[in-house]
N, C-alpha and C. Protein backbone atom coordinates (compact mmCIF):
# COMPACT_ATOMS: atom_id res chain seq x y z
N MET A 1 291.14 44.27 90.70
CA MET A 1 290.01 44.88 91.38
C MET A 1 288.77 44.76 90.51
N ALA A 2 287.70 44.26 91.05
CA ALA A 2 286.46 44.09 90.30
C ALA A 2 285.80 45.44 90.08
N ALA A 3 285.09 45.54 88.96
CA ALA A 3 284.37 46.77 88.66
C ALA A 3 283.25 46.98 89.67
N GLU A 4 283.13 48.20 90.14
CA GLU A 4 282.08 48.51 91.10
C GLU A 4 280.71 48.55 90.43
N TYR A 5 280.68 48.96 89.17
CA TYR A 5 279.44 49.04 88.40
C TYR A 5 279.62 48.28 87.08
N PRO A 6 279.63 46.95 87.12
CA PRO A 6 279.86 46.18 85.89
C PRO A 6 278.78 46.48 84.86
N ASN A 7 279.20 46.53 83.60
CA ASN A 7 278.27 46.79 82.50
C ASN A 7 278.84 46.18 81.23
N GLY A 8 278.17 46.36 80.14
CA GLY A 8 278.61 45.77 78.88
C GLY A 8 279.19 46.75 77.89
N LEU A 9 279.53 47.95 78.34
CA LEU A 9 280.01 48.98 77.42
C LEU A 9 281.32 48.59 76.73
N ALA A 10 282.31 48.17 77.48
CA ALA A 10 283.60 47.83 76.87
C ALA A 10 283.44 46.69 75.87
N GLN A 11 282.64 45.69 76.23
CA GLN A 11 282.43 44.57 75.32
C GLN A 11 281.69 45.02 74.07
N ALA A 12 280.71 45.89 74.21
CA ALA A 12 279.96 46.37 73.05
C ALA A 12 280.85 47.21 72.14
N MET A 13 281.72 48.03 72.72
CA MET A 13 282.64 48.82 71.91
C MET A 13 283.60 47.91 71.16
N SER A 14 284.09 46.89 71.83
CA SER A 14 285.01 45.94 71.20
C SER A 14 284.32 45.19 70.06
N GLN A 15 283.12 44.72 70.32
CA GLN A 15 282.39 43.96 69.31
C GLN A 15 282.08 44.82 68.09
N ALA A 16 281.83 46.11 68.32
CA ALA A 16 281.52 47.02 67.21
C ALA A 16 282.78 47.61 66.58
N SER A 17 283.96 47.26 67.11
CA SER A 17 285.23 47.84 66.66
C SER A 17 285.15 49.37 66.67
N MET A 18 284.63 49.90 67.75
CA MET A 18 284.36 51.33 67.87
C MET A 18 285.52 52.05 68.54
N ASP A 19 285.97 53.13 67.93
CA ASP A 19 287.01 53.98 68.50
C ASP A 19 286.40 54.77 69.66
N PRO A 20 286.95 54.63 70.86
CA PRO A 20 286.36 55.33 72.01
C PRO A 20 286.26 56.84 71.86
N SER A 21 287.26 57.48 71.26
CA SER A 21 287.20 58.94 71.12
C SER A 21 286.10 59.36 70.16
N TRP A 22 285.91 58.60 69.08
CA TRP A 22 284.82 58.89 68.14
C TRP A 22 283.47 58.72 68.84
N LEU A 23 283.32 57.64 69.58
CA LEU A 23 282.07 57.37 70.27
C LEU A 23 281.78 58.46 71.30
N ALA A 24 282.77 58.87 72.06
CA ALA A 24 282.58 59.91 73.06
C ALA A 24 282.09 61.21 72.42
N ARG A 25 282.69 61.59 71.30
CA ARG A 25 282.25 62.80 70.60
C ARG A 25 280.82 62.67 70.12
N ARG A 26 280.46 61.52 69.58
CA ARG A 26 279.12 61.32 69.02
C ARG A 26 278.01 61.34 70.06
N VAL A 27 278.31 60.89 71.27
CA VAL A 27 277.28 60.89 72.31
C VAL A 27 277.39 62.11 73.23
N GLY A 28 278.41 62.95 73.00
CA GLY A 28 278.53 64.21 73.74
C GLY A 28 279.07 64.09 75.15
N VAL A 29 280.04 63.19 75.33
CA VAL A 29 280.67 63.05 76.65
C VAL A 29 282.19 63.13 76.49
N ASP A 30 282.87 63.36 77.59
CA ASP A 30 284.33 63.37 77.57
C ASP A 30 284.85 61.95 77.42
N LEU A 31 285.96 61.80 76.72
CA LEU A 31 286.59 60.50 76.56
C LEU A 31 286.92 59.89 77.92
N ALA A 32 287.42 60.71 78.84
CA ALA A 32 287.78 60.20 80.17
C ALA A 32 286.55 59.61 80.87
N GLN A 33 285.40 60.26 80.73
CA GLN A 33 284.18 59.76 81.36
C GLN A 33 283.75 58.44 80.71
N LEU A 34 283.85 58.36 79.40
CA LEU A 34 283.50 57.13 78.70
C LEU A 34 284.38 55.98 79.18
N GLU A 35 285.66 56.23 79.36
CA GLU A 35 286.58 55.20 79.84
C GLU A 35 286.26 54.79 81.27
N ILE A 36 285.82 55.72 82.10
CA ILE A 36 285.40 55.41 83.47
C ILE A 36 284.20 54.47 83.45
N TRP A 37 283.22 54.78 82.60
CA TRP A 37 282.05 53.91 82.48
C TRP A 37 282.45 52.53 81.96
N ALA A 38 283.29 52.50 80.92
CA ALA A 38 283.69 51.22 80.32
C ALA A 38 284.43 50.34 81.33
N ALA A 39 285.17 50.97 82.23
CA ALA A 39 285.90 50.21 83.26
C ALA A 39 285.00 49.82 84.43
N GLY A 40 283.77 50.34 84.45
CA GLY A 40 282.84 50.00 85.52
C GLY A 40 283.08 50.74 86.82
N ARG A 41 283.78 51.87 86.74
CA ARG A 41 284.06 52.63 87.97
C ARG A 41 282.89 53.53 88.37
N GLU A 42 282.01 53.84 87.43
CA GLU A 42 280.79 54.61 87.71
C GLU A 42 279.66 54.02 86.88
N SER A 43 278.43 54.24 87.35
CA SER A 43 277.28 53.73 86.59
C SER A 43 277.01 54.65 85.39
N ILE A 44 276.48 54.06 84.34
CA ILE A 44 276.15 54.80 83.12
C ILE A 44 274.75 55.37 83.27
N PRO A 45 274.58 56.68 83.11
CA PRO A 45 273.24 57.25 83.19
C PRO A 45 272.35 56.66 82.08
N PRO A 46 271.09 56.38 82.39
CA PRO A 46 270.20 55.76 81.40
C PRO A 46 270.09 56.55 80.10
N ASP A 47 270.04 57.89 80.16
CA ASP A 47 269.91 58.67 78.93
C ASP A 47 271.16 58.53 78.05
N VAL A 48 272.31 58.40 78.66
CA VAL A 48 273.55 58.19 77.90
C VAL A 48 273.58 56.76 77.34
N ALA A 49 273.08 55.81 78.11
CA ALA A 49 273.03 54.42 77.64
C ALA A 49 272.20 54.30 76.36
N VAL A 50 271.14 55.09 76.27
CA VAL A 50 270.31 55.08 75.05
C VAL A 50 271.13 55.56 73.86
N LYS A 51 271.88 56.64 74.03
CA LYS A 51 272.72 57.17 72.95
C LYS A 51 273.82 56.18 72.57
N LEU A 52 274.45 55.59 73.58
CA LEU A 52 275.52 54.61 73.33
C LEU A 52 274.99 53.41 72.56
N ALA A 53 273.83 52.91 72.98
CA ALA A 53 273.24 51.74 72.32
C ALA A 53 272.95 52.04 70.86
N ALA A 54 272.46 53.23 70.57
CA ALA A 54 272.17 53.60 69.18
C ALA A 54 273.44 53.63 68.33
N LYS A 55 274.49 54.22 68.86
CA LYS A 55 275.75 54.31 68.11
C LYS A 55 276.43 52.95 67.97
N LEU A 56 276.28 52.09 68.98
CA LEU A 56 276.92 50.77 68.95
C LEU A 56 276.04 49.70 68.33
N LYS A 57 274.83 50.10 67.91
CA LYS A 57 273.87 49.17 67.28
C LYS A 57 273.61 47.94 68.15
N THR A 58 273.27 48.22 69.40
CA THR A 58 272.94 47.17 70.36
C THR A 58 271.79 47.67 71.22
N THR A 59 271.46 46.96 72.26
CA THR A 59 270.35 47.37 73.12
C THR A 59 270.86 48.10 74.36
N VAL A 60 269.97 48.86 74.97
CA VAL A 60 270.31 49.55 76.20
C VAL A 60 270.66 48.52 77.28
N ALA A 61 269.94 47.42 77.31
CA ALA A 61 270.22 46.36 78.29
C ALA A 61 271.64 45.81 78.10
N ASP A 62 272.06 45.65 76.85
CA ASP A 62 273.43 45.18 76.60
C ASP A 62 274.46 46.17 77.15
N ILE A 63 274.19 47.45 77.02
CA ILE A 63 275.11 48.47 77.52
C ILE A 63 275.12 48.47 79.05
N LEU A 64 273.94 48.46 79.65
CA LEU A 64 273.85 48.58 81.11
C LEU A 64 274.19 47.30 81.86
N TYR A 65 273.88 46.14 81.26
CA TYR A 65 274.01 44.89 82.01
C TYR A 65 274.94 43.87 81.36
N GLY A 66 275.40 44.12 80.16
CA GLY A 66 276.29 43.18 79.48
C GLY A 66 275.60 42.52 78.31
N LEU A 67 276.38 42.07 77.36
CA LEU A 67 275.85 41.43 76.17
C LEU A 67 275.33 40.07 76.54
N GLY A 68 274.09 39.75 76.19
CA GLY A 68 273.36 38.57 76.63
C GLY A 68 274.03 37.24 76.37
N GLN A 69 275.06 36.95 77.08
CA GLN A 69 275.76 35.67 76.96
C GLN A 69 275.34 34.76 78.10
N ALA A 70 275.16 33.50 77.79
CA ALA A 70 274.91 32.51 78.83
C ALA A 70 276.20 32.29 79.61
N GLU A 71 276.13 31.61 80.73
CA GLU A 71 277.32 31.41 81.56
C GLU A 71 278.42 30.64 80.83
N ASP A 72 278.05 29.82 79.87
CA ASP A 72 279.07 29.06 79.15
C ASP A 72 279.52 29.77 77.87
N ASP A 73 279.25 31.07 77.77
CA ASP A 73 279.66 31.93 76.64
C ASP A 73 278.96 31.62 75.33
N ARG A 74 277.91 30.81 75.37
CA ARG A 74 277.12 30.63 74.15
C ARG A 74 276.07 31.73 74.11
N PRO A 75 275.73 32.25 72.91
CA PRO A 75 274.69 33.27 72.84
C PRO A 75 273.37 32.73 73.37
N SER A 76 272.62 33.59 74.04
CA SER A 76 271.30 33.20 74.51
C SER A 76 270.37 33.01 73.32
N ARG A 77 269.25 32.34 73.54
CA ARG A 77 268.29 32.14 72.45
C ARG A 77 267.78 33.47 71.93
N TRP A 78 267.57 34.44 72.84
CA TRP A 78 267.12 35.76 72.42
C TRP A 78 268.15 36.42 71.52
N GLN A 79 269.42 36.30 71.88
CA GLN A 79 270.48 36.92 71.09
C GLN A 79 270.58 36.27 69.72
N MET A 80 270.39 34.97 69.66
CA MET A 80 270.45 34.28 68.38
C MET A 80 269.30 34.74 67.49
N ARG A 81 268.11 34.92 68.05
CA ARG A 81 266.98 35.42 67.25
C ARG A 81 267.26 36.83 66.78
N ARG A 82 267.85 37.65 67.66
CA ARG A 82 268.15 39.02 67.30
C ARG A 82 269.13 39.08 66.14
N ARG A 83 270.03 38.12 66.07
CA ARG A 83 271.02 38.08 65.00
C ARG A 83 270.49 37.37 63.76
N GLY A 84 269.26 36.90 63.81
CA GLY A 84 268.66 36.26 62.64
C GLY A 84 269.07 34.82 62.46
N ARG A 85 269.40 34.13 63.54
CA ARG A 85 269.81 32.71 63.43
C ARG A 85 268.67 31.82 63.73
């Protein structure tokens, strides 16, 4: 079943090697709610996306819309500049 509200939260957590329970405590949400957002079953509120992005050291856009990958899985030019390449 496809996610109803696809986002980049799960990918950002994986890339940051972030423990979901630690992250949930730090942003002030229930672990169950964080897992719902990561699975794309509900949309992430913008104010929470700001907190998540700060803890995951990424952008709000990456959290809400996915990590800026091109269709062929190569990093976008913007992402390469952001990483200092």
